[in-house]
Amino acid sequence: TMKAVLALLSCLVASTVSAPKNDLTCSICVDVVTDIDNFLTSDTTEQEIVEFVEQICSALGAILPDLEATCKALVESQLPAIIEGLVEGNLNPQEVCNSILACP
C-alpha cells in the first residue's frame, strides 16, 4: 500500500541522506523499481504506472525536496527501459538500476 511505501521511503531517506549522491540515487532507484515491479504484477496501464511513480516521487519530495526532481528525472527518462527490463528482461530491481546506470 502507499502508506507502507511512504514509511519505507522515509526510513530509506533518513538512512541515506548522508550517503554519497550515487549511493542515494541507487537506493532510490532500487526502491522505486521494486515498487514498480510489485505494481506491474497487477493489471495496470503505463499511465497508471506513471501516476503511481509520480506519487512516490512527490512523497520523496516531501521528505527531501531535492529528491523529487531526481526521482522524476530518473523516471521520465528511464520508465520505458525500467518496465522493459522488469517485464521482458525478467531482471530484478538491482539489475534494472545497474542497466540504466543509476547505480555505480
PDB file of N, CA and C in Angstrom:
ATOM      1  N   THR A   1       0.829  -1.188   0.000  1.00  0.00           N
ATOM      2  CA  THR A   1       0.000   0.000   0.000  1.00  0.00           C
ATOM      3  C   THR A   1       0.871   1.247   0.000  1.00  0.00           C
ATOM      4  N   MET A   2       0.258   2.363  -0.304  1.00  0.00           N
ATOM      5  CA  MET A   2       1.008   3.616  -0.390  1.00  0.00           C
ATOM      6  C   MET A   2       1.611   3.995   0.963  1.00  0.00           C
ATOM      7  N   LYS A   3       0.880   3.764   2.056  1.00  0.00           N
ATOM      8  CA  LYS A   3       1.416   4.108   3.379  1.00  0.00           C
ATOM      9  C   LYS A   3       2.676   3.302   3.684  1.00  0.00           C
ATOM     10  N   ALA A   4       2.675   2.044   3.304  1.00  0.00           N
ATOM     11  CA  ALA A   4       3.852   1.207   3.532  1.00  0.00           C
ATOM     12  C   ALA A   4       5.021   1.714   2.694  1.00  0.00           C
ATOM     13  N   VAL A   5       4.725   2.110   1.470  1.00  0.00           N
ATOM     14  CA  VAL A   5       5.766   2.647   0.592  1.00  0.00           C
ATOM     15  C   VAL A   5       6.354   3.916   1.203  1.00  0.00           C
ATOM     16  N   LEU A   6       5.477   4.796   1.680  1.00  0.00           N
ATOM     17  CA  LEU A   6       5.950   6.050   2.278  1.00  0.00           C
ATOM     18  C   LEU A   6       6.789   5.791   3.521  1.00  0.00           C
ATOM     19  N   ALA A   7       6.376   4.859   4.346  1.00  0.00           N
ATOM     20  CA  ALA A   7       7.138   4.532   5.549  1.00  0.00           C
ATOM     21  C   ALA A   7       8.511   3.985   5.168  1.00  0.00           C
ATOM     22  N   LEU A   8       8.514   3.112   4.183  1.00  0.00           N
ATOM     23  CA  LEU A   8       9.771   2.528   3.719  1.00  0.00           C
ATOM     24  C   LEU A   8      10.689   3.610   3.158  1.00  0.00           C
ATOM     25  N   LEU A   9      10.121   4.487   2.335  1.00  0.00           N
ATOM     26  CA  LEU A   9      10.927   5.552   1.739  1.00  0.00           C
ATOM     27  C   LEU A   9      11.447   6.512   2.800  1.00  0.00           C
ATOM     28  N   SER A  10      10.628   6.792   3.806  1.00  0.00           N
ATOM     29  CA  SER A  10      11.066   7.682   4.881  1.00  0.00           C
ATOM     30  C   SER A  10      12.288   7.102   5.590  1.00  0.00           C
ATOM     31  N   CYS A  11      12.230   5.814   5.873  1.00  0.00           N
ATOM     32  CA  CYS A  11      13.358   5.149   6.531  1.00  0.00           C
ATOM     33  C   CYS A  11      14.580   5.145   5.617  1.00  0.00           C
ATOM     34  N   LEU A  12      14.349   4.859   4.349  1.00  0.00           N
ATOM     35  CA  LEU A  12      15.446   4.840   3.383  1.00  0.00           C
ATOM     36  C   LEU A  12      16.130   6.196   3.322  1.00  0.00           C
ATOM     37  N   VAL A  13      15.317   7.246   3.169  1.00  0.00           N
ATOM     38  CA  VAL A  13      15.875   8.584   3.034  1.00  0.00           C
ATOM     39  C   VAL A  13      16.610   8.984   4.301  1.00  0.00           C
ATOM     40  N   ALA A  14      16.023   8.697   5.435  1.00  0.00           N
ATOM     41  CA  ALA A  14      16.667   9.050   6.699  1.00  0.00           C
ATOM     42  C   ALA A  14      18.025   8.364   6.826  1.00  0.00           C
ATOM     43  N   SER A  15      18.115   7.150   6.320  1.00  0.00           N
ATOM     44  CA  SER A  15      19.366   6.411   6.468  1.00  0.00           C
ATOM     45  C   SER A  15      20.377   6.726   5.372  1.00  0.00           C
ATOM     46  N   THR A  16      19.915   7.350   4.263  1.00  0.00           N
ATOM     47  CA  THR A  16      20.848   7.577   3.151  1.00  0.00           C
ATOM     48  C   THR A  16      21.116   9.042   2.852  1.00  0.00           C
ATOM     49  N   VAL A  17      20.527   9.955   3.628  1.00  0.00           N
ATOM     50  CA  VAL A  17      20.739  11.377   3.364  1.00  0.00           C
ATOM     51  C   VAL A  17      22.214  11.733   3.398  1.00  0.00           C
ATOM     52  N   SER A  18      22.954  11.084   4.268  1.00  0.00           N
ATOM     53  CA  SER A  18      24.376  11.403   4.375  1.00  0.00           C
ATOM     54  C   SER A  18      25.233  10.609   3.385  1.00  0.00           C
ATOM     55  N   ALA A  19      24.611   9.717   2.626  1.00  0.00           N
ATOM     56  CA  ALA A  19      25.354   8.899   1.669  1.00  0.00           C
ATOM     57  C   ALA A  19      25.740   9.727   0.453  1.00  0.00           C
ATOM     58  N   PRO A  20      26.787   9.308  -0.241  1.00  0.00           N
ATOM     59  CA  PRO A  20      27.156   9.993  -1.486  1.00  0.00           C
ATOM     60  C   PRO A  20      26.011   9.935  -2.486  1.00  0.00           C
ATOM     61  N   LYS A  21      25.982  10.904  -3.390  1.00  0.00           N
ATOM     62  CA  LYS A  21      24.878  11.042  -4.346  1.00  0.00           C
ATOM     63  C   LYS A  21      24.616   9.750  -5.122  1.00  0.00           C
ATOM     64  N   ASN A  22      25.653   9.084  -5.613  1.00  0.00           N
ATOM     65  CA  ASN A  22      25.437   7.868  -6.399  1.00  0.00           C
ATOM     66  C   ASN A  22      24.754   6.783  -5.581  1.00  0.00           C
ATOM     67  N   ASP A  23      25.164   6.628  -4.335  1.00  0.00           N
ATOM     68  CA  ASP A  23      24.540   5.622  -3.475  1.00  0.00           C
ATOM     69  C   ASP A  23      23.082   5.976  -3.206  1.00  0.00           C
ATOM     70  N   LEU A  24      22.813   7.265  -3.008  1.00  0.00           N
ATOM     71  CA  LEU A  24      21.447   7.706  -2.756  1.00  0.00           C
ATOM     72  C   LEU A  24      20.592   7.473  -3.993  1.00  0.00           C
ATOM     73  N   THR A  25      21.097   7.870  -5.149  1.00  0.00           N
ATOM     74  CA  THR A  25      20.363   7.660  -6.406  1.00  0.00           C
ATOM     75  C   THR A  25      20.100   6.177  -6.620  1.00  0.00           C
ATOM     76  N   CYS A  26      21.090   5.357  -6.341  1.00  0.00           N
ATOM     77  CA  CYS A  26      20.955   3.907  -6.499  1.00  0.00           C
ATOM     78  C   CYS A  26      19.888   3.374  -5.544  1.00  0.00           C
ATOM     79  N   SER A  27      19.925   3.787  -4.301  1.00  0.00           N
ATOM     80  CA  SER A  27      18.941   3.326  -3.313  1.00  0.00           C
ATOM     81  C   SER A  27      17.526   3.725  -3.712  1.00  0.00           C
ATOM     82  N   ILE A  28      17.383   4.970  -4.157  1.00  0.00           N
ATOM     83  CA  ILE A  28      16.070   5.440  -4.594  1.00  0.00           C
ATOM     84  C   ILE A  28      15.610   4.619  -5.790  1.00  0.00           C
ATOM     85  N   CYS A  29      16.508   4.416  -6.751  1.00  0.00           N
ATOM     86  CA  CYS A  29      16.172   3.642  -7.943  1.00  0.00           C
ATOM     87  C   CYS A  29      15.700   2.242  -7.576  1.00  0.00           C
ATOM     88  N   VAL A  30      16.456   1.554  -6.747  1.00  0.00           N
ATOM     89  CA  VAL A  30      16.097   0.180  -6.386  1.00  0.00           C
ATOM     90  C   VAL A  30      14.725   0.152  -5.695  1.00  0.00           C
ATOM     91  N   ASP A  31      14.486   1.092  -4.801  1.00  0.00           N
ATOM     92  CA  ASP A  31      13.197   1.124  -4.106  1.00  0.00           C
ATOM     93  C   ASP A  31      12.047   1.434  -5.056  1.00  0.00           C
ATOM     94  N   VAL A  32      12.237   2.431  -5.922  1.00  0.00           N
ATOM     95  CA  VAL A  32      11.178   2.808  -6.856  1.00  0.00           C
ATOM     96  C   VAL A  32      10.924   1.677  -7.847  1.00  0.00           C
ATOM     97  N   VAL A  33      11.993   1.064  -8.361  1.00  0.00           N
ATOM     98  CA  VAL A  33      11.830  -0.030  -9.320  1.00  0.00           C
ATOM     99  C   VAL A  33      11.166  -1.240  -8.646  1.00  0.00           C
ATOM    100  N   THR A  34      11.482  -1.487  -7.388  1.00  0.00           N
ATOM    101  CA  THR A  34      10.823  -2.568  -6.648  1.00  0.00           C
ATOM    102  C   THR A  34       9.323  -2.296  -6.558  1.00  0.00           C
ATOM    103  N   ASP A  35       8.971  -1.037  -6.250  1.00  0.00           N
ATOM    104  CA  ASP A  35       7.558  -0.672  -6.185  1.00  0.00           C
ATOM    105  C   ASP A  35       6.886  -0.821  -7.545  1.00  0.00           C
ATOM    106  N   ILE A  36       7.578  -0.402  -8.612  1.00  0.00           N
ATOM    107  CA  ILE A  36       7.027  -0.552  -9.963  1.00  0.00           C
ATOM    108  C   ILE A  36       6.842  -2.037 -10.273  1.00  0.00           C
ATOM    109  N   ASP A  37       7.825  -2.838  -9.929  1.00  0.00           N
ATOM    110  CA  ASP A  37       7.767  -4.282 -10.179  1.00  0.00           C
ATOM    111  C   ASP A  37       6.539  -4.887  -9.484  1.00  0.00           C
ATOM    112  N   ASN A  38       6.326  -4.522  -8.233  1.00  0.00           N
ATOM    113  CA  ASN A  38       5.166  -5.015  -7.490  1.00  0.00           C
ATOM    114  C   ASN A  38       3.859  -4.516  -8.108  1.00  0.00           C
ATOM    115  N   PHE A  39       3.881  -3.278  -8.565  1.00  0.00           N
ATOM    116  CA  PHE A  39       2.701  -2.663  -9.165  1.00  0.00           C
ATOM    117  C   PHE A  39       2.390  -3.309 -10.521  1.00  0.00           C
ATOM    118  N   LEU A  40       3.428  -3.701 -11.250  1.00  0.00           N
ATOM    119  CA  LEU A  40       3.260  -4.306 -12.572  1.00  0.00           C
ATOM    120  C   LEU A  40       2.600  -5.677 -12.516  1.00  0.00           C
ATOM    121  N   THR A  41       2.687  -6.338 -11.394  1.00  0.00           N
ATOM    122  CA  THR A  41       2.116  -7.677 -11.308  1.00  0.00           C
ATOM    123  C   THR A  41       0.587  -7.632 -11.395  1.00  0.00           C
ATOM    124  N   SER A  42       0.006  -6.462 -11.083  1.00  0.00           N
ATOM    125  CA  SER A  42      -1.431  -6.318 -11.276  1.00  0.00           C
ATOM    126  C   SER A  42      -1.676  -5.833 -12.711  1.00  0.00           C
ATOM    127  N   ASP A  43      -2.920  -5.772 -13.100  1.00  0.00           N
ATOM    128  CA  ASP A  43      -3.269  -5.416 -14.474  1.00  0.00           C
ATOM    129  C   ASP A  43      -3.301  -3.899 -14.609  1.00  0.00           C
ATOM    130  N   THR A  44      -2.161  -3.299 -14.919  1.00  0.00           N
ATOM    131  CA  THR A  44      -2.060  -1.846 -14.930  1.00  0.00           C
ATOM    132  C   THR A  44      -1.646  -1.324 -16.304  1.00  0.00           C
ATOM    133  N   THR A  45      -2.061  -0.065 -16.565  1.00  0.00           N
ATOM    134  CA  THR A  45      -1.649   0.596 -17.801  1.00  0.00           C
ATOM    135  C   THR A  45      -0.378   1.399 -17.522  1.00  0.00           C
ATOM    136  N   GLU A  46       0.306   1.794 -18.586  1.00  0.00           N
ATOM    137  CA  GLU A  46       1.523   2.592 -18.386  1.00  0.00           C
ATOM    138  C   GLU A  46       1.182   3.926 -17.724  1.00  0.00           C
ATOM    139  N   GLN A  47       0.029   4.512 -18.071  1.00  0.00           N
ATOM    140  CA  GLN A  47      -0.380   5.772 -17.455  1.00  0.00           C
ATOM    141  C   GLN A  47      -0.588   5.605 -15.945  1.00  0.00           C
ATOM    142  N   GLU A  48      -1.183   4.507 -15.543  1.00  0.00           N
ATOM    143  CA  GLU A  48      -1.370   4.242 -14.109  1.00  0.00           C
ATOM    144  C   GLU A  48      -0.016   4.098 -13.414  1.00  0.00           C
ATOM    145  N   ILE A  49       0.935   3.464 -14.088  1.00  0.00           N
ATOM    146  CA  ILE A  49       2.273   3.306 -13.526  1.00  0.00           C
ATOM    147  C   ILE A  49       2.933   4.671 -13.370  1.00  0.00           C
ATOM    148  N   VAL A  50       2.809   5.519 -14.400  1.00  0.00           N
ATOM    149  CA  VAL A  50       3.391   6.868 -14.342  1.00  0.00           C
ATOM    150  C   VAL A  50       2.810   7.636 -13.158  1.00  0.00           C
ATOM    151  N   GLU A  51       1.485   7.584 -13.000  1.00  0.00           N
ATOM    152  CA  GLU A  51       0.841   8.298 -11.890  1.00  0.00           C
ATOM    153  C   GLU A  51       1.296   7.746 -10.541  1.00  0.00           C
ATOM    154  N   PHE A  52       1.419   6.430 -10.450  1.00  0.00           N
ATOM    155  CA  PHE A  52       1.882   5.782  -9.222  1.00  0.00           C
ATOM    156  C   PHE A  52       3.296   6.257  -8.864  1.00  0.00           C
ATOM    157  N   VAL A  53       4.168   6.265  -9.872  1.00  0.00           N
ATOM    158  CA  VAL A  53       5.555   6.660  -9.641  1.00  0.00           C
ATOM    159  C   VAL A  53       5.640   8.144  -9.298  1.00  0.00           C
ATOM    160  N   GLU A  54       4.802   8.968  -9.916  1.00  0.00           N
ATOM    161  CA  GLU A  54       4.806  10.395  -9.581  1.00  0.00           C
ATOM    162  C   GLU A  54       4.401  10.614  -8.126  1.00  0.00           C
ATOM    163  N   GLN A  55       3.494   9.778  -7.617  1.00  0.00           N
ATOM    164  CA  GLN A  55       3.120   9.867  -6.198  1.00  0.00           C
ATOM    165  C   GLN A  55       4.325   9.523  -5.314  1.00  0.00           C
ATOM    166  N   ILE A  56       5.080   8.506  -5.721  1.00  0.00           N
ATOM    167  CA  ILE A  56       6.275   8.124  -4.957  1.00  0.00           C
ATOM    168  C   ILE A  56       7.272   9.280  -4.963  1.00  0.00           C
ATOM    169  N   CYS A  57       7.490   9.868  -6.135  1.00  0.00           N
ATOM    170  CA  CYS A  57       8.437  10.983  -6.247  1.00  0.00           C
ATOM    171  C   CYS A  57       7.989  12.173  -5.402  1.00  0.00           C
ATOM    172  N   SER A  58       6.694  12.453  -5.409  1.00  0.00           N
ATOM    173  CA  SER A  58       6.162  13.548  -4.589  1.00  0.00           C
ATOM    174  C   SER A  58       6.367  13.270  -3.108  1.00  0.00           C
ATOM    175  N   ALA A  59       6.175  12.009  -2.722  1.00  0.00           N
ATOM    176  CA  ALA A  59       6.385  11.631  -1.320  1.00  0.00           C
ATOM    177  C   ALA A  59       7.846  11.822  -0.936  1.00  0.00           C
ATOM    178  N   LEU A  60       8.748  11.464  -1.843  1.00  0.00           N
ATOM    179  CA  LEU A  60      10.173  11.687  -1.587  1.00  0.00           C
ATOM    180  C   LEU A  60      10.452  13.179  -1.450  1.00  0.00           C
ATOM    181  N   GLY A  61       9.804  13.979  -2.294  1.00  0.00           N
ATOM    182  CA  GLY A  61       9.999  15.424  -2.255  1.00  0.00           C
ATOM    183  C   GLY A  61       9.538  16.038  -0.948  1.00  0.00           C
ATOM    184  N   ALA A  62       8.525  15.437  -0.330  1.00  0.00           N
ATOM    185  CA  ALA A  62       8.039  15.935   0.952  1.00  0.00           C
ATOM    186  C   ALA A  62       9.073  15.703   2.049  1.00  0.00           C
ATOM    187  N   ILE A  63       9.883  14.685   1.868  1.00  0.00           N
ATOM    188  CA  ILE A  63      10.908  14.349   2.861  1.00  0.00           C
ATOM    189  C   ILE A  63      12.170  15.170   2.615  1.00  0.00           C
ATOM    190  N   LEU A  64      12.585  15.235   1.364  1.00  0.00           N
ATOM    191  CA  LEU A  64      13.787  15.969   0.981  1.00  0.00           C
ATOM    192  C   LEU A  64      13.543  16.541  -0.413  1.00  0.00           C
ATOM    193  N   PRO A  65      13.318  17.861  -0.507  1.00  0.00           N
ATOM    194  CA  PRO A  65      12.896  18.477  -1.769  1.00  0.00           C
ATOM    195  C   PRO A  65      13.743  18.106  -3.001  1.00  0.00           C
ATOM    196  N   ASP A  66      15.037  17.992  -2.858  1.00  0.00           N
ATOM    197  CA  ASP A  66      15.889  17.660  -4.000  1.00  0.00           C
ATOM    198  C   ASP A  66      15.570  16.284  -4.583  1.00  0.00           C
ATOM    199  N   LEU A  67      15.053  15.397  -3.756  1.00  0.00           N
ATOM    200  CA  LEU A  67      14.802  14.029  -4.220  1.00  0.00           C
ATOM    201  C   LEU A  67      13.676  13.951  -5.239  1.00  0.00           C
ATOM    202  N   GLU A  68      12.696  14.854  -5.130  1.00  0.00           N
ATOM    203  CA  GLU A  68      11.566  14.784  -6.058  1.00  0.00           C
ATOM    204  C   GLU A  68      12.040  14.994  -7.495  1.00  0.00           C
ATOM    205  N   ALA A  69      12.866  15.990  -7.712  1.00  0.00           N
ATOM    206  CA  ALA A  69      13.368  16.268  -9.063  1.00  0.00           C
ATOM    207  C   ALA A  69      14.232  15.116  -9.571  1.00  0.00           C
ATOM    208  N   THR A  70      15.088  14.579  -8.693  1.00  0.00           N
ATOM    209  CA  THR A  70      15.948  13.449  -9.070  1.00  0.00           C
ATOM    210  C   THR A  70      15.096  12.251  -9.451  1.00  0.00           C
ATOM    211  N   CYS A  71      14.104  11.959  -8.641  1.00  0.00           N
ATOM    212  CA  CYS A  71      13.209  10.831  -8.868  1.00  0.00           C
ATOM    213  C   CYS A  71      12.453  10.999 -10.181  1.00  0.00           C
ATOM    214  N   LYS A  72      11.855  12.184 -10.401  1.00  0.00           N
ATOM    215  CA  LYS A  72      11.076  12.421 -11.619  1.00  0.00           C
ATOM    216  C   LYS A  72      11.957  12.356 -12.865  1.00  0.00           C
ATOM    217  N   ALA A  73      13.151  12.930 -12.786  1.00  0.00           N
ATOM    218  CA  ALA A  73      14.055  12.896 -13.940  1.00  0.00           C
ATOM    219  C   ALA A  73      14.426  11.459 -14.283  1.00  0.00           C
ATOM    220  N   LEU A  74      14.723  10.686 -13.259  1.00  0.00           N
ATOM    221  CA  LEU A  74      15.085   9.274 -13.454  1.00  0.00           C
ATOM    222  C   LEU A  74      13.934   8.520 -14.101  1.00  0.00           C
ATOM    223  N   VAL A  75      12.737   8.735 -13.574  1.00  0.00           N
ATOM    224  CA  VAL A  75      11.566   8.015 -14.069  1.00  0.00           C
ATOM    225  C   VAL A  75      11.208   8.452 -15.489  1.00  0.00           C
ATOM    226  N   GLU A  76      11.179   9.769 -15.726  1.00  0.00           N
ATOM    227  CA  GLU A  76      10.782  10.260 -17.043  1.00  0.00           C
ATOM    228  C   GLU A  76      11.726   9.776 -18.137  1.00  0.00           C
ATOM    229  N   SER A  77      13.002   9.759 -17.835  1.00  0.00           N
ATOM    230  CA  SER A  77      13.957   9.350 -18.866  1.00  0.00           C
ATOM    231  C   SER A  77      14.085   7.838 -18.983  1.00  0.00           C
ATOM    232  N   GLN A  78      13.745   7.105 -17.917  1.00  0.00           N
ATOM    233  CA  GLN A  78      14.040   5.674 -17.901  1.00  0.00           C
ATOM    234  C   GLN A  78      12.844   4.749 -17.742  1.00  0.00           C
ATOM    235  N   LEU A  79      11.632   5.288 -17.583  1.00  0.00           N
ATOM    236  CA  LEU A  79      10.491   4.404 -17.298  1.00  0.00           C
ATOM    237  C   LEU A  79      10.299   3.302 -18.346  1.00  0.00           C
ATOM    238  N   PRO A  80      10.352   3.615 -19.651  1.00  0.00           N
ATOM    239  CA  PRO A  80      10.200   2.514 -20.622  1.00  0.00           C
ATOM    240  C   PRO A  80      11.269   1.430 -20.459  1.00  0.00           C
ATOM    241  N   ALA A  81      12.509   1.840 -20.213  1.00  0.00           N
ATOM    242  CA  ALA A  81      13.593   0.869 -20.019  1.00  0.00           C
ATOM    243  C   ALA A  81      13.390   0.072 -18.735  1.00  0.00           C
ATOM    244  N   ILE A  82      12.892   0.732 -17.697  1.00  0.00           N
ATOM    245  CA  ILE A  82      12.627   0.054 -16.423  1.00  0.00           C
ATOM    246  C   ILE A  82      11.558  -1.025 -16.629  1.00  0.00           C
ATOM    247  N   ILE A  83      10.453  -0.645 -17.274  1.00  0.00           N
ATOM    248  CA  ILE A  83       9.357  -1.596 -17.498  1.00  0.00           C
ATOM    249  C   ILE A  83       9.828  -2.749 -18.384  1.00  0.00           C
ATOM    250  N   GLU A  84      10.561  -2.404 -19.444  1.00  0.00           N
ATOM    251  CA  GLU A  84      11.064  -3.444 -20.354  1.00  0.00           C
ATOM    252  C   GLU A  84      11.987  -4.416 -19.623  1.00  0.00           C
ATOM    253  N   GLY A  85      12.876  -3.879 -18.784  1.00  0.00           N
ATOM    254  CA  GLY A  85      13.789  -4.736 -18.031  1.00  0.00           C
ATOM    255  C   GLY A  85      13.059  -5.678 -17.093  1.00  0.00           C
ATOM    256  N   LEU A  86      12.023  -5.147 -16.428  1.00  0.00           N
ATOM    257  CA  LEU A  86      11.262  -5.966 -15.481  1.00  0.00           C
ATOM    258  C   LEU A  86      10.420  -7.018 -16.184  1.00  0.00           C
ATOM    259  N   VAL A  87       9.727  -6.594 -17.251  1.00  0.00           N
ATOM    260  CA  VAL A  87       8.758  -7.474 -17.905  1.00  0.00           C
ATOM    261  C   VAL A  87       9.422  -8.397 -18.924  1.00  0.00           C
ATOM    262  N   GLU A  88      10.174  -7.803 -19.854  1.00  0.00           N
ATOM    263  CA  GLU A  88      10.741  -8.616 -20.940  1.00  0.00           C
ATOM    264  C   GLU A  88      12.082  -9.231 -20.564  1.00  0.00           C
ATOM    265  N   GLY A  89      12.884  -8.487 -19.809  1.00  0.00           N
ATOM    266  CA  GLY A  89      14.199  -8.999 -19.435  1.00  0.00           C
ATOM    267  C   GLY A  89      14.174  -9.841 -18.174  1.00  0.00           C
ATOM    268  N   ASN A  90      13.032  -9.795 -17.468  1.00  0.00           N
ATOM    269  CA  ASN A  90      12.877 -10.532 -16.212  1.00  0.00           C
ATOM    270  C   ASN A  90      14.015 -10.222 -15.235  1.00  0.00           C
ATOM    271  N   LEU A  91      14.447  -8.941 -15.217  1.00  0.00           N
ATOM    272  CA  LEU A  91      15.527  -8.521 -14.333  1.00  0.00           C
ATOM    273  C   LEU A  91      14.968  -8.176 -12.958  1.00  0.00           C
ATOM    274  N   ASN A  92      15.824  -8.257 -11.945  1.00  0.00           N
ATOM    275  CA  ASN A  92      15.393  -7.794 -10.630  1.00  0.00           C
ATOM    276  C   ASN A  92      15.688  -6.289 -10.537  1.00  0.00           C
ATOM    277  N   PRO A  93      15.116  -5.599  -9.539  1.00  0.00           N
ATOM    278  CA  PRO A  93      15.300  -4.133  -9.459  1.00  0.00           C
ATOM    279  C   PRO A  93      16.763  -3.681  -9.448  1.00  0.00           C
ATOM    280  N   GLN A  94      17.635  -4.399  -8.762  1.00  0.00           N
ATOM    281  CA  GLN A  94      19.049  -4.016  -8.748  1.00  0.00           C
ATOM    282  C   GLN A  94      19.640  -4.101 -10.155  1.00  0.00           C
ATOM    283  N   GLU A  95      19.319  -5.155 -10.880  1.00  0.00           N
ATOM    284  CA  GLU A  95      19.826  -5.311 -12.247  1.00  0.00           C
ATOM    285  C   GLU A  95      19.293  -4.216 -13.165  1.00  0.00           C
ATOM    286  N   VAL A  96      18.026  -3.848 -12.977  1.00  0.00           N
ATOM    287  CA  VAL A  96      17.436  -2.771 -13.781  1.00  0.00           C
ATOM    288  C   VAL A  96      18.174  -1.466 -13.514  1.00  0.00           C
ATOM    289  N   CYS A  97      18.408  -1.158 -12.244  1.00  0.00           N
ATOM    290  CA  CYS A  97      19.089   0.095 -11.898  1.00  0.00           C
ATOM    291  C   CYS A  97      20.530   0.101 -12.392  1.00  0.00           C
ATOM    292  N   ASN A  98      21.173  -1.052 -12.381  1.00  0.00           N
ATOM    293  CA  ASN A  98      22.517  -1.153 -12.961  1.00  0.00           C
ATOM    294  C   ASN A  98      22.464  -0.867 -14.459  1.00  0.00           C
ATOM    295  N   SER A  99      21.443  -1.435 -15.129  1.00  0.00           N
ATOM    296  CA  SER A  99      21.366  -1.310 -16.581  1.00  0.00           C
ATOM    297  C   SER A  99      21.075   0.105 -17.046  1.00  0.00           C
ATOM    298  N   ILE A 100      20.369   0.896 -16.224  1.00  0.00           N
ATOM    299  CA  ILE A 100      20.083   2.289 -16.604  1.00  0.00           C
ATOM    300  C   ILE A 100      21.106   3.241 -15.977  1.00  0.00           C
ATOM    301  N   LEU A 101      22.162   2.676 -15.421  1.00  0.00           N
ATOM    302  CA  LEU A 101      23.290   3.434 -14.865  1.00  0.00           C
ATOM    303  C   LEU A 101      22.916   4.317 -13.681  1.00  0.00           C
ATOM    304  N   ALA A 102      21.893   3.912 -12.941  1.00  0.00           N
ATOM    305  CA  ALA A 102      21.521   4.647 -11.729  1.00  0.00           C
ATOM    306  C   ALA A 102      22.372   4.220 -10.542  1.00  0.00           C
ATOM    307  N   CYS A 103      23.006   3.051 -10.668  1.00  0.00           N
ATOM    308  CA  CYS A 103      23.866   2.543  -9.602  1.00  0.00           C
ATOM    309  C   CYS A 103      25.320   2.551 -10.076  1.00  0.00           C
ATOM    310  N   PRO A 104      26.238   2.858  -9.149  1.00  0.00           N
ATOM    311  CA  PRO A 104      27.660   2.911  -9.527  1.00  0.00           C
ATOM    312  C   PRO A 104      28.202   1.560  -9.961  1.00  0.00           C
TER     313      PRO A 104
END
